[in-house]
């Protein structure tokens, strides 16, 4: 079977950058090497990136170690059952990941790597590499588009990263995705890559679409490498320096360095990886399949989260099932202070996919155990920034919540509760 290295040697790629190039910047690793450069001997992201960088992690997903896609990814929306493993097709291993799009339908599904759920919070830089293949008989109608990859996506902050829901404002979601398209093909026998980005400067309610004049061919494995670097924030304003880069079979084919995605550092890269949908309103003309193999991710700028073992009242979300219940405090537009009372034990935690929110570590949280509080109840008190969610695990019973102002949402053990109906002190319970 052909290896990645031999693929790069025989491909003879001479593609030039077909995207928008704006003030291209060189990212230097700690040893002085240029992380934008690629060598044909680079078989892994470990050959390209600085794996010793502080607050960074190299993640290699070996499909042979998993029995279901859900073991490695979050699989959601569309038709989740259309994402599966296939042991009859692989680039260099036992099996590939495949996503099927049925004739006259649009939905594949998402099988993206979920950084918060894997303990990495939301990094501000993600580089990925994967081998990808379109099915042998891949066919598209003129001007059709099929998304197959997300270089970066955030839905936790809000819905403005997809679906034509409007221009992102800086704290309500964003995305940068890749597609194949039959647009601007000319004499090419393949399908051009395209990039589809929801950012603060897009002109309309749907994301900005750019065709990259770099074709891929049905039935042939190609190596895709992507990189996203979040823009910086100055005095609450988004700086125009967010970066998106794509490499096809080792050659840089797209680079743009002026994106504005966020006005808050906490909104960064939540998801990355396979994401499949055919068209907007268009449907697949025949049954189609996208195959993936050898997915690697390098996350940098991982937010600081203190080790769980350093604080008896900061609990690993992996131990959620050891507790009687959980509380998710979702703050609104203003900063708030609050105090919650538990008849038993309470611990702060961070998680995702609990009540539809992402709870993050809040350094202001203070826990007073029941045997040390005057009330005899365990108390958690904190200051919550706007548009954040704090999470708690508890044993015993939830008793009261004193908050100013009230939270936008309050969830107790999976049920949404009206804050106005919750006692503000144990005496009122």
Protein backbone atom coordinates (compact mmCIF):
# COMPACT_ATOMS: atom_id res chain seq x y z
CA UNK A 1 0.00 0.00 0.00
CA UNK A 2 1.25 3.46 -0.87
CA UNK A 3 2.48 5.47 2.10
CA UNK A 4 2.02 9.18 2.71
CA UNK A 5 5.67 9.82 1.98
CA UNK A 6 5.60 8.04 -1.38
CA UNK A 7 2.33 9.79 -2.25
CA UNK A 8 4.02 13.16 -1.84
CA UNK A 9 6.99 12.07 -3.92
CA UNK A 10 4.95 10.82 -6.86
CA UNK A 11 2.22 13.49 -6.87
CA UNK A 12 4.35 16.12 -8.63
CA UNK A 13 2.25 18.91 -7.15
CA UNK A 14 3.01 22.38 -8.52
CA UNK A 15 -0.10 24.16 -7.27
CA UNK A 16 0.23 27.84 -6.42
CA UNK A 17 -1.72 29.67 -3.76
CA UNK A 18 -5.23 30.18 -5.10
CA UNK A 19 -6.79 31.92 -2.12
CA UNK A 20 -6.42 35.41 -0.82
CA UNK A 21 -2.98 36.28 0.52
CA UNK A 22 -2.99 39.19 2.93
CA UNK A 23 0.19 40.12 4.76
CA UNK A 24 1.38 36.53 5.12
CA UNK A 25 3.26 35.96 8.36
CA UNK A 26 5.77 33.23 9.11
CA UNK A 27 5.18 31.19 12.27
CA UNK A 28 8.47 30.29 13.88
CA UNK A 29 8.79 27.29 16.15
CA UNK A 30 10.99 27.44 19.21
CA UNK A 31 13.94 25.97 17.33
CA UNK A 32 13.73 28.72 14.70
CA UNK A 33 12.26 26.56 11.93
CA UNK A 34 9.39 27.84 9.82
CA UNK A 35 6.20 25.93 10.60
CA UNK A 36 4.68 27.06 7.28
CA UNK A 37 7.29 25.11 5.32
CA UNK A 38 6.72 21.49 4.36
CA UNK A 39 9.20 18.82 3.35
CA UNK A 40 8.31 15.70 1.42
CA UNK A 41 9.80 13.65 4.26
CA UNK A 42 7.25 15.04 6.71
CA UNK A 43 5.12 12.00 7.56
CA UNK A 44 3.44 13.44 10.63
CA UNK A 45 2.59 16.74 12.23
CA UNK A 46 5.36 15.83 14.67
CA UNK A 47 7.80 16.47 11.79
CA UNK A 48 6.42 19.98 11.25
CA UNK A 49 5.35 21.49 14.56
CA UNK A 50 7.17 22.08 17.83
CA UNK A 51 5.71 19.32 19.99
CA UNK A 52 7.62 20.64 23.02
CA UNK A 53 5.81 23.99 22.91
CA UNK A 54 4.26 25.02 26.21
CA UNK A 55 0.47 24.63 26.46
CA UNK A 56 0.37 22.50 23.32
CA UNK A 57 -0.57 18.91 22.51
CA UNK A 58 -0.20 16.57 19.53
CA UNK A 59 -3.27 14.34 19.15
CA UNK A 60 -3.14 11.29 16.87
CA UNK A 61 -6.40 9.44 16.18
CA UNK A 62 -5.85 5.78 15.31
CA UNK A 63 -9.11 4.40 13.93
CA UNK A 64 -7.96 0.82 14.59
CA UNK A 65 -8.19 1.56 18.31
CA UNK A 66 -11.88 2.52 18.15
CA UNK A 67 -15.01 0.49 17.47
CA UNK A 68 -17.31 3.47 16.79
CA UNK A 69 -16.70 7.00 15.46
CA UNK A 70 -18.26 8.29 18.69
CA UNK A 71 -15.27 6.89 20.58
CA UNK A 72 -13.01 9.51 18.98
CA UNK A 73 -15.33 12.31 17.88
CA UNK A 74 -18.53 14.06 18.74
CA UNK A 75 -20.98 12.84 16.09
CA UNK A 76 -24.05 15.07 15.80
CA UNK A 77 -26.55 16.82 13.50
CA UNK A 78 -27.70 15.66 10.09
CA UNK A 79 -27.71 11.87 9.94
CA UNK A 80 -25.23 10.57 12.57
CA UNK A 81 -25.63 6.96 11.40
CA UNK A 82 -24.02 7.90 8.07
CA UNK A 83 -20.61 8.17 9.74
CA UNK A 84 -18.97 4.77 10.25
CA UNK A 85 -15.71 2.85 10.06
CA UNK A 86 -14.89 0.88 6.88
CA UNK A 87 -12.35 -1.95 6.98
CA UNK A 88 -12.48 -2.44 3.19
CA UNK A 89 -10.97 0.96 2.37
CA UNK A 90 -7.96 2.49 4.13
CA UNK A 91 -4.99 4.62 3.21
CA UNK A 92 -2.42 2.97 5.43
CA UNK A 93 -4.00 0.96 8.21
CA UNK A 94 -6.85 -1.34 9.13
CA UNK A 95 -9.81 0.91 8.38
CA UNK A 96 -10.95 4.38 7.43
CA UNK A 97 -13.71 6.67 8.60
CA UNK A 98 -16.44 7.12 6.02
CA UNK A 99 -19.41 9.44 5.66
CA UNK A 100 -22.20 8.63 3.21
CA UNK A 101 -24.46 11.14 1.50
CA UNK A 102 -27.44 9.42 -0.09
CA UNK A 103 -28.82 10.36 -3.49
CA UNK A 104 -31.20 13.34 -3.44
CA UNK A 105 -30.26 14.25 0.14
CA UNK A 106 -27.95 16.86 1.64
CA UNK A 107 -27.09 15.55 5.07
CA UNK A 108 -23.97 13.74 5.99
CA UNK A 109 -23.07 14.50 9.60
CA UNK A 110 -20.38 15.98 11.81
CA UNK A 111 -17.67 13.84 13.40
CA UNK A 112 -15.46 16.58 14.73
CA UNK A 113 -12.84 16.37 17.45
CA UNK A 114 -14.21 18.16 20.52
CA UNK A 115 -11.37 19.86 22.36
CA UNK A 116 -13.22 20.83 25.59
CA UNK A 117 -14.62 17.35 26.10
CA UNK A 118 -11.10 15.94 25.85
CA UNK A 119 -9.68 18.28 28.46
CA UNK A 120 -8.07 20.89 26.18
CA UNK A 121 -10.52 23.74 26.65
CA UNK A 122 -10.56 25.91 23.53
CA UNK A 123 -7.05 26.31 22.06
CA UNK A 124 -6.27 29.41 20.01
CA UNK A 125 -4.31 27.56 17.33
CA UNK A 126 -5.05 24.21 15.68
CA UNK A 127 -3.16 22.49 12.88
CA UNK A 128 -4.56 19.29 11.37
CA UNK A 129 -3.52 16.67 8.86
CA UNK A 130 -5.59 13.90 7.33
CA UNK A 131 -5.67 11.64 4.29
CA UNK A 132 -8.98 12.09 2.46
CA UNK A 133 -10.60 10.42 -0.54
CA UNK A 134 -13.76 11.04 -2.53
CA UNK A 135 -15.58 7.91 -3.71
CA UNK A 136 -14.65 6.49 -7.13
CA UNK A 137 -17.80 7.72 -8.85
CA UNK A 138 -17.99 11.08 -7.09
CA UNK A 139 -20.24 13.33 -9.20
CA UNK A 140 -21.43 16.90 -8.69
CA UNK A 141 -23.79 19.09 -10.64
CA UNK A 142 -22.44 22.36 -12.01
CA UNK A 143 -21.79 24.92 -9.24
CA UNK A 144 -22.66 22.48 -6.45
CA UNK A 145 -20.71 22.53 -3.18
CA UNK A 146 -20.02 19.81 -0.61
CA UNK A 147 -18.45 20.67 2.74
CA UNK A 148 -16.23 17.92 4.12
CA UNK A 149 -13.91 19.45 6.75
CA UNK A 150 -13.82 22.06 9.46
CA UNK A 151 -10.49 23.68 10.15
CA UNK A 152 -12.09 25.39 13.15
CA UNK A 153 -15.58 25.83 14.55
CA UNK A 154 -17.18 27.34 17.64
CA UNK A 155 -20.84 26.72 18.51
CA UNK A 156 -20.62 27.01 22.31
CA UNK A 157 -20.61 30.82 22.13
CA UNK A 158 -23.59 31.02 19.78
CA UNK A 159 -25.13 29.94 16.45
CA UNK A 160 -23.45 32.39 14.07
CA UNK A 161 -20.91 29.92 12.72
CA UNK A 162 -23.13 28.19 10.17
CA UNK A 163 -26.57 27.89 8.68
CA UNK A 164 -26.96 31.41 7.32
CA UNK A 165 -27.79 32.71 10.79
CA UNK A 166 -26.07 36.04 10.27
CA UNK A 167 -22.72 37.74 10.52
CA UNK A 168 -20.79 36.83 13.70
CA UNK A 169 -20.48 39.71 16.15
CA UNK A 170 -17.40 38.45 17.95
CA UNK A 171 -18.94 36.49 20.81
CA UNK A 172 -21.60 34.31 19.18
CA UNK A 173 -19.78 31.66 17.13
CA UNK A 174 -17.61 31.47 14.01
CA UNK A 175 -16.18 28.87 11.60
CA UNK A 176 -13.80 28.14 8.76
CA UNK A 177 -14.61 25.08 6.64
CA UNK A 178 -13.48 23.39 3.45
CA UNK A 179 -15.55 22.11 0.56
CA UNK A 180 -15.19 20.60 -2.87
CA UNK A 181 -17.03 22.28 -5.71
CA UNK A 182 -17.66 22.06 -9.43
CA UNK A 183 -17.27 25.84 -9.69
CA UNK A 184 -14.50 27.44 -11.74
CA UNK A 185 -13.25 24.07 -12.92
CA UNK A 186 -12.43 25.00 -16.51
CA UNK A 187 -10.56 22.11 -18.10
CA UNK A 188 -9.77 20.48 -14.75
CA UNK A 189 -10.90 16.88 -14.46
CA UNK A 190 -11.26 17.10 -10.68
CA UNK A 191 -13.14 19.25 -8.21
CA UNK A 192 -11.74 22.47 -6.81
CA UNK A 193 -11.23 23.04 -3.12
CA UNK A 194 -13.14 25.94 -1.61
CA UNK A 195 -13.17 27.65 1.76
CA UNK A 196 -16.32 28.78 3.53
CA UNK A 197 -15.83 31.13 6.47
CA UNK A 198 -18.15 32.78 8.97
CA UNK A 199 -16.31 35.86 10.24
CA UNK A 200 -17.04 39.39 11.48
CA UNK A 201 -16.34 41.07 8.13
CA UNK A 202 -18.39 38.86 5.81
CA UNK A 203 -20.74 40.84 3.57
CA UNK A 204 -23.98 38.97 4.20
CA UNK A 205 -25.84 36.59 6.49
CA UNK A 206 -24.06 33.54 5.08
CA UNK A 207 -20.35 32.89 5.27
CA UNK A 208 -17.78 34.10 2.75
CA UNK A 209 -17.12 31.56 -0.01
CA UNK A 210 -13.76 31.48 -1.82
CA UNK A 211 -12.80 28.99 -4.53
CA UNK A 212 -9.24 27.67 -4.25
CA UNK A 213 -7.91 26.77 -7.69
CA UNK A 214 -6.52 23.43 -6.53
CA UNK A 215 -8.40 20.36 -7.75
CA UNK A 216 -8.76 16.98 -6.08
CA UNK A 217 -9.79 13.87 -7.97
CA UNK A 218 -12.38 11.23 -7.20
CA UNK A 219 -11.06 7.85 -6.14
CA UNK A 220 -7.62 9.23 -5.19
CA UNK A 221 -6.26 9.82 -1.70
CA UNK A 222 -5.05 13.36 -1.07
CA UNK A 223 -3.31 14.80 1.94
CA UNK A 224 -4.98 17.82 3.49
CA UNK A 225 -3.35 19.95 6.13
CA UNK A 226 -5.10 22.94 7.68
CA UNK A 227 -4.16 25.57 10.23
CA UNK A 228 -6.23 28.14 12.08
CA UNK A 229 -4.85 30.80 14.41
CA UNK A 230 -7.36 32.96 16.29
CA UNK A 231 -7.17 36.73 15.98
CA UNK A 232 -5.91 38.69 18.96
CA UNK A 233 -8.13 41.05 20.95
CA UNK A 234 -7.18 44.61 21.96
CA UNK A 235 -9.37 46.59 24.37
CA UNK A 236 -12.35 44.42 23.56
CA UNK A 237 -11.94 44.84 19.79
CA UNK A 238 -11.02 42.09 17.33
CA UNK A 239 -7.67 42.62 15.61
CA UNK A 240 -7.63 41.71 11.87
CA UNK A 241 -4.94 39.04 12.18
CA UNK A 242 -6.74 35.70 12.35
CA UNK A 243 -5.06 33.14 10.09
CA UNK A 244 -6.30 30.34 7.87
CA UNK A 245 -3.95 28.14 5.83
CA UNK A 246 -4.43 24.99 3.74
CA UNK A 247 -1.87 22.61 2.25
CA UNK A 248 -2.79 20.08 -0.44
CA UNK A 249 -0.34 17.19 -0.82
CA UNK A 250 2.32 19.26 0.93
CA UNK A 251 1.88 22.48 -1.07
CA UNK A 252 0.43 25.67 0.40
CA UNK A 253 -2.72 26.42 -1.64
CA UNK A 254 -4.55 28.94 0.54
CA UNK A 255 -3.43 31.57 3.02
CA UNK A 256 -5.28 34.46 4.55
CA UNK A 257 -4.17 36.43 7.58
CA UNK A 258 -6.79 39.15 8.15
CA UNK A 259 -9.73 37.29 9.69
CA UNK A 260 -11.67 38.70 12.64
CA UNK A 261 -13.53 35.95 14.47
CA UNK A 262 -13.69 36.92 18.11
CA UNK A 263 -13.76 39.84 20.53
CA UNK A 264 -13.23 37.63 23.59
CA UNK A 265 -10.22 35.38 24.14
CA UNK A 266 -12.43 32.69 25.70
CA UNK A 267 -14.18 32.07 22.35
CA UNK A 268 -11.61 30.07 20.43
CA UNK A 269 -11.46 26.70 18.64
CA UNK A 270 -14.02 24.25 19.96
CA UNK A 271 -14.18 21.69 17.11
CA UNK A 272 -12.02 20.52 14.22
CA UNK A 273 -12.15 17.64 11.75
CA UNK A 274 -14.70 15.82 9.53
CA UNK A 275 -17.94 17.69 8.87
CA UNK A 276 -20.06 16.75 5.87
CA UNK A 277 -22.99 18.39 4.12
CA UNK A 278 -23.85 18.55 0.43
CA UNK A 279 -24.94 21.99 -0.75
CA UNK A 280 -27.21 24.46 0.89
CA UNK A 281 -30.46 23.68 -0.88
CA UNK A 282 -28.78 21.39 -3.44
CA UNK A 283 -28.87 17.60 -3.11
CA UNK A 284 -26.42 14.89 -4.11
CA UNK A 285 -27.05 13.61 -7.67
CA UNK A 286 -25.95 10.07 -6.69
CA UNK A 287 -24.87 8.23 -3.54
CA UNK A 288 -21.55 9.77 -2.44
CA UNK A 289 -18.93 8.88 0.17
CA UNK A 290 -16.01 10.74 1.76
CA UNK A 291 -13.24 8.64 3.37
CA UNK A 292 -10.77 9.80 6.05
CA UNK A 293 -7.64 8.22 7.51
CA UNK A 294 -4.67 9.17 9.72
CA UNK A 295 -6.21 12.21 11.37
CA UNK A 296 -3.78 14.23 13.47
CA UNK A 297 -4.29 17.49 15.35
CA UNK A 298 -1.83 19.85 16.98
CA UNK A 299 -3.43 22.23 19.47
CA UNK A 300 -1.52 25.20 20.86
CA UNK A 301 -2.52 28.00 23.17
CA UNK A 302 -4.44 25.53 25.32
CA UNK A 303 -5.97 27.51 28.20
CA UNK A 304 -4.55 26.97 31.65
CA UNK A 305 -6.68 24.58 33.68
CA UNK A 306 -5.21 23.65 37.07
CA UNK A 307 -4.63 19.95 37.75
CA UNK A 308 -7.67 18.42 39.42
CA UNK A 309 -5.53 16.78 42.07
CA UNK A 310 -4.32 20.21 43.27
CA UNK A 311 -7.77 21.26 44.49
CA UNK A 312 -10.16 18.96 46.38
CA UNK A 313 -13.07 21.13 45.23
CA UNK A 314 -12.23 21.12 41.50
CA UNK A 315 -13.47 17.83 40.06
CA UNK A 316 -12.55 15.97 36.89
CA UNK A 317 -15.68 15.81 34.67
CA UNK A 318 -14.81 12.18 33.95
CA UNK A 319 -16.12 11.49 37.48
CA UNK A 320 -19.53 13.04 36.83
CA UNK A 321 -21.32 9.71 37.35
CA UNK A 322 -19.94 9.52 40.90
CA UNK A 323 -22.16 12.44 41.93
CA UNK A 324 -25.87 12.73 42.68
CA UNK A 325 -26.39 15.80 40.52
CA UNK A 326 -24.95 18.78 38.69
CA UNK A 327 -25.63 22.50 38.39
CA UNK A 328 -25.01 24.64 35.32
CA UNK A 329 -25.12 28.39 35.97
CA UNK A 330 -25.41 30.27 32.65
CA UNK A 331 -24.74 33.98 32.94
CA UNK A 332 -26.34 36.67 30.79
CA UNK A 333 -25.17 40.02 29.44
CA UNK A 334 -23.83 41.44 32.72
CA UNK A 335 -21.24 40.33 35.23
CA UNK A 336 -22.93 38.58 38.14
CA UNK A 337 -22.10 37.40 41.64
CA UNK A 338 -23.83 34.38 43.11
CA UNK A 339 -23.84 31.91 45.96
CA UNK A 340 -25.38 28.46 45.82
CA UNK A 341 -26.19 26.22 48.80
CA UNK A 342 -25.99 22.42 48.83
CA UNK A 343 -27.11 20.14 51.65
CA UNK A 344 -24.10 17.85 51.27
CA UNK A 345 -20.95 18.29 49.17
CA UNK A 346 -20.24 20.51 46.14
CA UNK A 347 -17.29 20.80 43.75
CA UNK A 348 -16.56 23.05 40.78
CA UNK A 349 -16.01 21.29 37.43
CA UNK A 350 -15.55 21.96 33.72
CA UNK A 351 -17.33 20.06 31.00
CA UNK A 352 -19.07 20.11 27.63
CA UNK A 353 -22.29 18.58 26.31
CA UNK A 354 -24.00 18.96 29.66
CA UNK A 355 -27.31 20.79 29.30
CA UNK A 356 -26.08 22.13 25.96
CA UNK A 357 -23.43 24.37 27.51
CA UNK A 358 -19.69 24.37 28.03
CA UNK A 359 -18.70 24.93 31.62
CA UNK A 360 -15.20 26.33 32.09
CA UNK A 361 -12.84 26.70 35.02
CA UNK A 362 -13.68 29.89 36.94
CA UNK A 363 -10.78 31.03 39.10
CA UNK A 364 -13.10 33.12 41.32
CA UNK A 365 -15.00 30.10 42.64
CA UNK A 366 -14.69 29.61 46.38
CA UNK A 367 -16.04 26.50 48.08
CA UNK A 368 -16.90 26.38 51.78
CA UNK A 369 -17.62 22.80 52.95
CA UNK A 370 -20.67 22.19 55.10
CA UNK A 371 -18.68 21.50 58.27
CA UNK A 372 -16.97 24.91 57.97
CA UNK A 373 -19.95 27.12 57.08
CA UNK A 374 -22.15 28.88 59.63
CA UNK A 375 -25.28 27.71 57.84
CA UNK A 376 -24.30 24.06 57.88
CA UNK A 377 -24.63 23.89 54.10
CA UNK A 378 -21.87 23.54 51.52
CA UNK A 379 -21.52 26.86 49.70
CA UNK A 380 -20.12 27.74 46.26
CA UNK A 381 -19.70 31.44 45.51
CA UNK A 382 -18.22 33.14 42.48
CA UNK A 383 -18.24 36.05 40.07
CA UNK A 384 -19.36 35.14 36.55
CA UNK A 385 -18.32 37.09 33.46
CA UNK A 386 -20.92 37.86 30.78
CA UNK A 387 -21.91 34.95 28.52
CA UNK A 388 -20.11 32.27 30.54
CA UNK A 389 -21.25 29.06 32.19
CA UNK A 390 -20.07 27.66 35.52
CA UNK A 391 -20.53 24.02 36.44
CA UNK A 392 -20.80 22.15 39.73
CA UNK A 393 -21.16 18.55 40.81
CA UNK A 394 -22.85 17.75 44.11
CA UNK A 395 -23.84 14.97 46.47
CA UNK A 396 -26.95 15.58 48.54
CA UNK A 397 -29.60 18.15 47.65
CA UNK A 398 -29.62 21.52 45.92
CA UNK A 399 -31.11 24.01 48.40
CA UNK A 400 -30.87 27.66 47.28
CA UNK A 401 -29.29 30.20 44.94
CA UNK A 402 -28.63 33.86 45.74
CA UNK A 403 -27.59 35.68 42.52
CA UNK A 404 -27.33 39.31 41.39
CA UNK A 405 -28.54 39.52 38.71
CA UNK A 406 -30.34 36.22 38.15
CA UNK A 407 -28.70 33.84 35.69
CA UNK A 408 -29.93 33.71 32.11
CA UNK A 409 -30.41 29.97 32.57
CA UNK A 410 -30.18 27.57 35.49
CA UNK A 411 -29.95 23.82 35.00
CA UNK A 412 -30.13 21.30 37.83
CA UNK A 413 -29.34 17.68 37.00
CA UNK A 414 -30.39 18.08 33.37
CA UNK A 415 -33.61 20.01 34.01
CA UNK A 416 -33.93 23.72 33.26
CA UNK A 417 -35.26 25.60 36.28
CA UNK A 418 -36.73 29.12 36.42
CA UNK A 419 -34.33 31.06 38.70
CA UNK A 420 -37.28 33.07 40.05
CA UNK A 421 -38.73 29.91 41.60
CA UNK A 422 -35.52 28.96 43.43
CA UNK A 423 -35.16 30.03 47.09
CA UNK A 424 -32.48 32.68 47.61
CA UNK A 425 -31.42 31.32 51.00
CA UNK A 426 -31.78 28.09 53.00
CA UNK A 427 -34.21 29.89 55.32
CA UNK A 428 -36.58 30.44 52.37
CA UNK A 429 -36.37 26.83 51.21
